[in-house]
Amino acid sequence: MDLGAVIHSYGGPVLFVWAWLQGEAAVVVGGALAARGYWPWWAVWLIATLPAVVGHQIYFALGRRYGEPLLARLPARWRAGVEQARVLVQTNSSRIMLLMRFAYGIRLPLPILCGAAQIEPARFFRYNVGTALGWALLFTWIGYAYGAAANALLGHVMRAEAWILLGALTLGIAVHLISQRIGRRLT
């Protein structure tokens, strides 16, 4: 199995989907693979930027279209906090849009709140693209630096990378099967 050929053939689409679902971890791994020579770093950066932009744009559009009806359906005890968050977004929209990509734990609701707060779509898009480019570049560089350091320290291990990948996959499947079996015994 030629791991390089697999990465060159399927790596871009896998990185796109993984970055959409997982975010930073995917971009760091992509950067590390760039350090190994599988891709140029700028390709990882641009591929990782696309799902970040598209995802936030979708959440923003959902917030603009369905934000009010969705917020109206929340339990009454949450309404005061949600209204406070909306006022915060409206009064500090530039700061919120600059930092939302790095606001772990609330990264998903912030574009929705920006949409519900009726921030101008073109303005949101500009901030979204700018922060996505910066975010993807930062984590691509972190991955690249990690990959370069790992290559220097573990160069001889890299010759066995296909076997290491196969072993990790086998271990993952075994842990999954064992946890399912334990789970069935407990229920």
Protein backbone atom coordinates (compact mmCIF):
# COMPACT_ATOMS: atom_id res chain seq x y z
CA MET A 1 0.00 0.00 0.00
CA ASP A 2 1.50 3.33 -1.08
CA LEU A 3 0.34 5.81 1.55
CA GLY A 4 1.60 8.74 -0.53
CA ALA A 5 -0.61 7.75 -3.46
CA VAL A 6 -3.64 7.39 -1.19
CA ILE A 7 -3.01 10.80 0.37
CA HIS A 8 -2.50 12.44 -3.03
CA SER A 9 -5.65 10.82 -4.43
CA TYR A 10 -8.06 11.30 -1.54
CA GLY A 11 -6.34 13.73 0.82
CA GLY A 12 -7.94 16.95 -0.42
CA PRO A 13 -11.56 15.78 -0.10
CA VAL A 14 -10.81 14.06 3.21
CA LEU A 15 -9.16 17.22 4.57
CA PHE A 16 -12.14 19.32 3.42
CA VAL A 17 -14.71 17.07 5.14
CA TRP A 18 -12.58 16.50 8.23
CA ALA A 19 -11.92 20.25 8.59
CA TRP A 20 -15.68 20.84 8.32
CA LEU A 21 -16.42 18.30 11.04
CA GLN A 22 -13.41 18.55 13.33
CA GLY A 23 -11.71 21.86 12.62
CA GLU A 24 -8.29 22.39 14.12
CA ALA A 25 -7.26 18.74 14.39
CA ALA A 26 -7.73 18.23 10.66
CA VAL A 27 -5.79 21.36 9.76
CA VAL A 28 -2.91 20.46 12.09
CA VAL A 29 -2.70 16.98 10.53
CA GLY A 30 -2.87 18.55 7.06
CA GLY A 31 -0.02 20.89 7.99
CA ALA A 32 2.03 17.97 9.31
CA LEU A 33 1.46 16.10 6.04
CA ALA A 34 2.55 19.21 4.15
CA ALA A 35 5.79 19.14 6.14
CA ARG A 36 6.26 15.54 4.96
CA GLY A 37 5.93 16.74 1.37
CA TYR A 38 2.51 15.32 0.54
CA TRP A 39 1.08 18.78 -0.29
CA PRO A 40 2.28 22.35 -0.39
CA TRP A 41 1.38 24.19 2.84
CA TRP A 42 -0.67 26.76 0.94
CA ALA A 43 -2.94 24.01 -0.46
CA VAL A 44 -3.71 22.81 3.08
CA TRP A 45 -4.35 26.41 4.10
CA LEU A 46 -6.80 27.07 1.25
CA ILE A 47 -8.57 23.70 1.50
CA ALA A 48 -9.06 24.23 5.24
CA THR A 49 -10.35 27.77 4.69
CA LEU A 50 -13.21 26.65 2.43
CA PRO A 51 -15.23 24.57 4.92
CA ALA A 52 -14.62 27.17 7.63
CA VAL A 53 -16.11 29.91 5.46
CA VAL A 54 -18.96 27.81 4.09
CA GLY A 55 -19.93 26.46 7.52
CA HIS A 56 -20.14 29.87 9.15
CA GLN A 57 -22.03 31.28 6.16
CA ILE A 58 -24.61 28.50 6.42
CA TYR A 59 -25.05 29.08 10.16
CA PHE A 60 -25.31 32.83 9.58
CA ALA A 61 -27.95 32.33 6.87
CA LEU A 62 -29.89 29.98 9.16
CA GLY A 63 -29.74 32.61 11.90
CA ARG A 64 -31.04 35.31 9.56
CA ARG A 65 -33.84 33.13 8.24
CA TYR A 66 -34.85 31.08 11.29
CA GLY A 67 -33.20 32.91 14.18
CA GLU A 68 -36.27 34.73 15.50
CA PRO A 69 -38.65 31.75 15.32
CA LEU A 70 -36.00 29.48 16.83
CA LEU A 71 -35.21 31.88 19.66
CA ALA A 72 -38.93 32.31 20.36
CA ARG A 73 -39.23 28.54 20.92
CA LEU A 74 -36.51 28.41 23.58
CA PRO A 75 -37.60 27.88 27.19
CA ALA A 76 -38.59 31.06 28.98
CA ARG A 77 -35.73 30.75 31.48
CA TRP A 78 -33.21 31.07 28.60
CA ARG A 79 -34.76 34.13 26.93
CA ALA A 80 -33.10 36.73 29.16
CA GLY A 81 -29.65 35.24 28.51
CA VAL A 82 -30.30 34.94 24.78
CA GLU A 83 -31.49 38.54 24.62
CA GLN A 84 -28.39 39.63 26.52
CA ALA A 85 -26.22 37.71 24.03
CA ARG A 86 -28.05 39.31 21.08
CA VAL A 87 -27.49 42.81 22.50
CA LEU A 88 -23.83 41.94 23.07
CA VAL A 89 -23.52 40.80 19.44
CA GLN A 90 -25.27 43.92 18.13
CA THR A 91 -23.19 46.36 20.19
CA ASN A 92 -19.85 44.57 19.71
CA SER A 93 -20.38 42.96 16.32
CA SER A 94 -16.88 43.69 14.97
CA ARG A 95 -15.17 42.18 18.01
CA ILE A 96 -17.52 39.20 18.05
CA MET A 97 -16.95 38.48 14.36
CA LEU A 98 -13.17 38.78 14.78
CA LEU A 99 -13.05 36.38 17.73
CA MET A 100 -15.88 33.93 17.00
CA ARG A 101 -13.69 31.53 15.04
CA PHE A 102 -11.52 31.12 18.14
CA ALA A 103 -14.39 31.02 20.67
CA TYR A 104 -14.30 27.33 21.48
CA GLY A 105 -17.55 25.93 22.80
CA ILE A 106 -19.65 28.75 21.37
CA ARG A 107 -18.23 28.90 17.85
CA LEU A 108 -21.36 27.38 16.30
CA PRO A 109 -24.01 29.58 17.96
CA LEU A 110 -22.17 32.86 17.30
CA PRO A 111 -22.75 32.97 13.52
CA ILE A 112 -26.37 32.03 14.18
CA LEU A 113 -26.65 34.90 16.68
CA CYS A 114 -24.97 37.24 14.19
CA GLY A 115 -27.63 36.30 11.66
CA ALA A 116 -30.44 36.70 14.18
CA ALA A 117 -28.98 40.10 15.17
CA GLN A 118 -29.43 41.14 11.50
CA ILE A 119 -25.79 41.95 10.82
CA GLU A 120 -25.37 42.97 7.19
CA PRO A 121 -24.57 39.84 5.12
CA ALA A 122 -21.74 41.43 3.10
CA ARG A 123 -20.09 42.67 6.30
CA PHE A 124 -20.37 39.24 7.93
CA PHE A 125 -18.93 37.62 4.81
CA ARG A 126 -15.86 39.90 4.84
CA TYR A 127 -15.14 39.13 8.48
CA ASN A 128 -15.88 35.45 7.93
CA VAL A 129 -13.41 35.11 5.04
CA GLY A 130 -10.71 37.13 6.81
CA THR A 131 -10.91 35.20 10.06
CA ALA A 132 -11.12 31.86 8.26
CA LEU A 133 -7.94 32.66 6.32
CA GLY A 134 -6.14 33.62 9.53
CA TRP A 135 -7.47 30.63 11.47
CA ALA A 136 -6.53 28.12 8.75
CA LEU A 137 -3.08 29.69 8.32
CA LEU A 138 -2.38 29.55 12.06
CA PHE A 139 -3.28 25.87 12.40
CA THR A 140 -1.59 24.92 9.12
CA TRP A 141 1.63 26.48 10.43
CA ILE A 142 1.26 24.73 13.78
CA GLY A 143 0.84 21.41 11.95
CA TYR A 144 3.71 22.18 9.62
CA ALA A 145 6.02 23.00 12.53
CA TYR A 146 4.91 19.85 14.35
CA GLY A 147 5.39 17.76 11.20
CA ALA A 148 8.86 19.18 10.55
CA ALA A 149 9.89 18.48 14.16
CA ALA A 150 8.42 14.97 14.02
CA ASN A 151 10.25 14.29 10.75
CA ALA A 152 13.53 15.36 12.29
CA LEU A 153 13.02 13.26 15.43
CA LEU A 154 11.27 10.25 13.98
CA GLY A 155 12.62 10.01 10.44
CA HIS A 156 13.41 6.31 10.70
CA VAL A 157 9.87 5.55 11.95
CA MET A 158 8.37 7.17 8.87
CA ARG A 159 9.56 4.29 6.71
CA ALA A 160 7.05 2.11 8.54
CA GLU A 161 4.18 4.63 8.37
CA ALA A 162 1.85 2.31 6.44
CA TRP A 163 2.27 -0.38 9.11
CA ILE A 164 1.79 2.19 11.87
CA LEU A 165 -1.39 3.42 10.18
CA LEU A 166 -2.67 -0.14 9.80
CA GLY A 167 -1.86 -0.89 13.44
CA ALA A 168 -3.64 2.26 14.64
CA LEU A 169 -6.69 1.38 12.55
CA THR A 170 -6.71 -2.18 13.92
CA LEU A 171 -6.37 -0.90 17.48
CA GLY A 172 -9.22 1.55 16.94
CA ILE A 173 -11.52 -1.17 15.61
CA ALA A 174 -10.60 -3.48 18.50
CA VAL A 175 -11.33 -0.78 21.09
CA HIS A 176 -14.64 -0.05 19.39
CA LEU A 177 -15.69 -3.71 19.38
CA ILE A 178 -14.64 -4.22 22.99
CA SER A 179 -16.50 -1.10 24.14
CA GLN A 180 -19.63 -2.26 22.31
CA ARG A 181 -19.40 -5.64 23.99
CA ILE A 182 -18.93 -4.07 27.43
CA GLY A 183 -21.78 -1.68 26.70
CA ARG A 184 -24.14 -4.56 25.90
CA ARG A 185 -23.22 -6.31 29.15
CA LEU A 186 -23.97 -3.19 31.18
CA THR A 187 -27.43 -2.70 29.66
